[in-house]
């Protein structure tokens, strides 16, 4: 799921128990504490912002799963790993290279895996 034109996320936006991945646009700066609590199948989350958003990652049911992954822009990897909301999960944070994220394109993850981002 890729969200467009959104500045903050509230729980009402995400009531999807089968959601496995989500991409948070760069415009989102704040995510309500309980927004992910019903996302019991969530395996990864991608943040496109250069600045880590204000978010309580402990509300993600599978955040402590060894296979859970957080993807962030290549140039901001250390910013996310050192952010107070993200530092506990630094070992789950991986860099991505983003190609045209707002109009569709590809997200290149780590060592060449590719996620396609659909057009709005």
Protein backbone atom coordinates (compact mmCIF):
# COMPACT_ATOMS: atom_id res chain seq x y z
CA UNK A 1 0.00 0.00 0.00
CA UNK A 2 1.36 3.42 -0.97
CA UNK A 3 -0.27 6.54 0.44
CA UNK A 4 -0.21 9.86 -1.44
CA UNK A 5 -0.89 13.45 -0.36
CA UNK A 6 -1.02 12.66 3.33
CA UNK A 7 0.66 14.56 6.18
CA UNK A 8 -0.42 12.50 9.19
CA UNK A 9 -1.80 9.01 9.64
CA UNK A 10 -4.56 8.07 12.05
CA UNK A 11 -5.85 4.59 12.85
CA UNK A 12 -8.93 5.12 10.69
CA UNK A 13 -6.69 5.14 7.60
CA UNK A 14 -5.36 1.63 8.23
CA UNK A 15 -7.82 -1.01 9.28
CA UNK A 16 -6.38 -3.78 7.16
CA UNK A 17 -5.35 -6.97 8.89
CA UNK A 18 -3.95 -8.50 5.69
CA UNK A 19 -1.59 -5.63 4.82
CA UNK A 20 1.97 -6.99 4.41
CA UNK A 21 3.84 -3.88 3.30
CA UNK A 22 3.22 -0.15 3.41
CA UNK A 23 5.08 2.85 2.02
CA UNK A 24 4.85 6.09 3.96
CA UNK A 25 5.35 9.17 1.75
CA UNK A 26 7.87 11.86 2.57
CA UNK A 27 5.07 14.31 3.40
CA UNK A 28 4.00 12.30 6.45
CA UNK A 29 5.63 13.76 9.54
CA UNK A 30 3.45 12.22 12.25
CA UNK A 31 1.80 8.83 12.73
CA UNK A 32 -0.68 8.24 15.56
CA UNK A 33 0.45 5.78 18.23
CA UNK A 34 -2.08 3.06 17.48
CA UNK A 35 -2.23 3.32 13.69
CA UNK A 36 -0.54 -0.05 13.03
CA UNK A 37 -1.99 -2.14 15.88
CA UNK A 38 -4.49 -3.97 13.62
CA UNK A 39 -1.88 -4.64 10.92
CA UNK A 40 -1.06 -8.13 12.20
CA UNK A 41 0.39 -9.31 8.88
CA UNK A 42 2.71 -6.32 8.33
CA UNK A 43 6.20 -7.56 7.37
CA UNK A 44 7.87 -4.33 6.27
CA UNK A 45 7.41 -0.61 6.21
CA UNK A 46 9.10 1.88 3.88
CA UNK A 47 9.55 5.51 4.88
CA UNK A 48 10.29 7.89 1.99
CA UNK A 49 10.96 10.97 4.12
CA UNK A 50 14.41 12.40 4.65
CA UNK A 51 13.44 13.10 8.25
CA UNK A 52 12.16 10.26 10.44
CA UNK A 53 8.48 10.82 11.27
CA UNK A 54 7.16 10.98 14.80
CA UNK A 55 5.91 7.41 15.25
CA UNK A 56 5.61 4.77 17.97
CA UNK A 57 6.92 1.64 16.26
CA UNK A 58 5.99 -0.53 19.24
CA UNK A 59 2.39 -0.52 18.01
CA UNK A 60 3.42 -2.73 15.06
CA UNK A 61 2.47 -6.29 16.11
CA UNK A 62 5.41 -7.95 14.30
CA UNK A 63 8.07 -5.30 15.03
CA UNK A 64 10.07 -7.79 17.12
CA UNK A 65 9.85 -10.52 14.48
CA UNK A 66 13.44 -11.23 13.31
CA UNK A 67 12.34 -10.90 9.67
CA UNK A 68 10.55 -7.53 10.03
CA UNK A 69 12.22 -4.81 7.93
CA UNK A 70 12.17 -1.02 7.86
CA UNK A 71 13.32 0.63 4.62
CA UNK A 72 14.49 4.26 4.49
CA UNK A 73 16.12 6.52 1.89
CA UNK A 74 19.78 5.72 1.23
CA UNK A 75 21.09 9.13 2.30
CA UNK A 76 19.20 9.11 5.62
CA UNK A 77 20.02 5.63 6.93
CA UNK A 78 22.06 6.93 9.88
CA UNK A 79 19.46 9.61 10.69
CA UNK A 80 16.82 6.90 11.10
CA UNK A 81 19.11 4.53 13.00
CA UNK A 82 19.98 7.31 15.48
CA UNK A 83 16.45 8.73 15.85
CA UNK A 84 14.89 8.16 19.28
CA UNK A 85 11.82 6.46 17.76
CA UNK A 86 13.85 4.16 15.51
CA UNK A 87 17.15 3.45 17.32
CA UNK A 88 15.80 0.42 19.21
CA UNK A 89 15.16 -1.21 15.83
CA UNK A 90 18.39 -0.09 14.10
CA UNK A 91 19.20 -3.68 13.09
CA UNK A 92 15.93 -3.82 11.11
CA UNK A 93 16.58 -0.61 9.13
CA UNK A 94 17.86 -0.94 5.56
CA UNK A 95 18.67 1.64 2.91
CA UNK A 96 16.82 2.05 -0.37
CA UNK A 97 17.51 4.07 -3.49
CA UNK A 98 14.36 5.79 -4.67
CA UNK A 99 13.61 6.44 -8.34
CA UNK A 100 10.67 8.83 -8.93
CA UNK A 101 8.72 7.83 -5.80
CA UNK A 102 5.76 10.17 -6.30
CA UNK A 103 4.79 9.28 -9.86
CA UNK A 104 5.56 5.59 -9.90
CA UNK A 105 8.84 3.87 -10.38
CA UNK A 106 11.00 1.44 -8.48
CA UNK A 107 12.50 1.24 -5.06
CA UNK A 108 15.81 -0.61 -5.00
CA UNK A 109 16.39 -2.36 -1.69
CA UNK A 110 19.79 -3.18 -0.30
CA UNK A 111 21.55 -5.60 -2.63
CA UNK A 112 19.36 -5.29 -5.71
CA UNK A 113 15.89 -6.49 -4.68
CA UNK A 114 13.29 -4.28 -6.32
CA UNK A 115 9.87 -3.14 -5.12
CA UNK A 116 7.58 -1.61 -7.73
CA UNK A 117 5.67 1.48 -6.67
CA UNK A 118 2.39 1.94 -8.48
CA UNK A 119 1.14 5.21 -9.87
CA UNK A 120 -1.58 7.06 -7.89
